[in-house]
Amino acid sequence: MNLSLIELEAVVEELERELLAGQIQEFRQPSTTSIWMAVRAPGKSISVLLETARQRARVHLVEARTATLNP
């Protein structure tokens, strides 16, 4: 799925609004193509998922914590 410039700007704006004042608390790698991170912002904890697989590439806020990839 390709995002238009307006859609991409909206995603960046949301992430910036939620994450800019936060600090990264934890990283996990649930798969070889994804990274999950926990960010602590004033008054809240936020989870972010980054997926790099070609057909599923995305970055977004998520509610659930992910498991770590087993070596």
Protein backbone atom coordinates (compact mmCIF):
# COMPACT_ATOMS: atom_id res chain seq x y z
CA MET A 1 0.00 0.00 0.00
CA ASN A 2 1.37 3.39 -0.97
CA LEU A 3 0.51 6.44 1.10
CA SER A 4 -0.17 9.81 -0.39
CA LEU A 5 1.82 12.78 0.86
CA ILE A 6 -1.18 13.95 2.91
CA GLU A 7 -1.56 10.51 4.54
CA LEU A 8 2.17 10.28 5.27
CA GLU A 9 2.14 13.76 6.81
CA ALA A 10 -0.77 12.70 9.05
CA VAL A 11 1.15 9.63 10.25
CA VAL A 12 4.26 11.71 10.97
CA GLU A 13 2.15 14.29 12.82
CA GLU A 14 0.54 11.61 15.01
CA LEU A 15 3.86 9.94 15.84
CA GLU A 16 5.48 13.29 16.56
CA ARG A 17 2.60 14.34 18.83
CA GLU A 18 2.71 11.07 20.77
CA LEU A 19 6.46 10.38 20.89
CA LEU A 20 8.39 13.65 20.81
CA ALA A 21 8.44 14.20 24.59
CA GLY A 22 8.94 10.51 25.36
CA GLN A 23 11.92 8.34 26.17
CA ILE A 24 12.51 4.88 24.74
CA GLN A 25 12.26 2.34 27.55
CA GLU A 26 12.55 -0.98 25.74
CA PHE A 27 13.14 -2.60 22.35
CA ARG A 28 12.02 -6.05 21.20
CA GLN A 29 12.45 -7.86 17.91
CA PRO A 30 9.37 -10.07 17.50
CA SER A 31 10.47 -11.19 14.02
CA THR A 32 13.38 -10.73 11.64
CA THR A 33 11.58 -7.86 9.92
CA SER A 34 9.94 -6.02 12.81
CA ILE A 35 10.88 -3.97 15.84
CA TRP A 36 8.63 -3.07 18.74
CA MET A 37 9.53 -0.32 21.18
CA ALA A 38 8.05 0.98 24.39
CA VAL A 39 8.15 4.72 24.87
CA ARG A 40 7.34 6.48 28.12
CA ALA A 41 5.83 9.92 27.54
CA PRO A 42 4.53 12.24 30.26
CA GLY A 43 1.54 10.46 31.80
CA LYS A 44 1.42 7.49 29.45
CA SER A 45 3.22 4.50 27.96
CA ILE A 46 3.18 4.05 24.19
CA SER A 47 4.02 1.03 22.04
CA VAL A 48 5.27 1.44 18.48
CA LEU A 49 5.64 -1.26 15.84
CA LEU A 50 8.00 -0.85 12.87
CA GLU A 51 7.69 -3.46 10.13
CA THR A 52 10.20 -3.60 7.26
CA ALA A 53 8.94 -6.58 5.25
CA ARG A 54 8.40 -5.46 1.67
CA GLN A 55 4.68 -6.24 1.45
CA ARG A 56 3.91 -5.20 5.05
CA ALA A 57 6.11 -2.13 5.61
CA ARG A 58 4.56 0.17 8.18
CA VAL A 59 5.03 2.08 11.39
CA HIS A 60 2.21 2.61 13.83
CA LEU A 61 1.13 2.80 17.44
CA VAL A 62 -0.05 -0.50 18.90
CA GLU A 63 -1.84 -1.50 22.07
CA ALA A 64 -0.33 -4.91 22.78
CA ARG A 65 3.21 -5.74 23.84
CA THR A 66 5.00 -8.20 21.58
CA ALA A 67 7.15 -11.20 22.35
CA THR A 68 10.86 -11.20 21.63
CA LEU A 69 12.20 -13.21 18.72
CA ASN A 70 13.74 -16.45 19.94
CA PRO A 71 17.26 -17.02 18.56
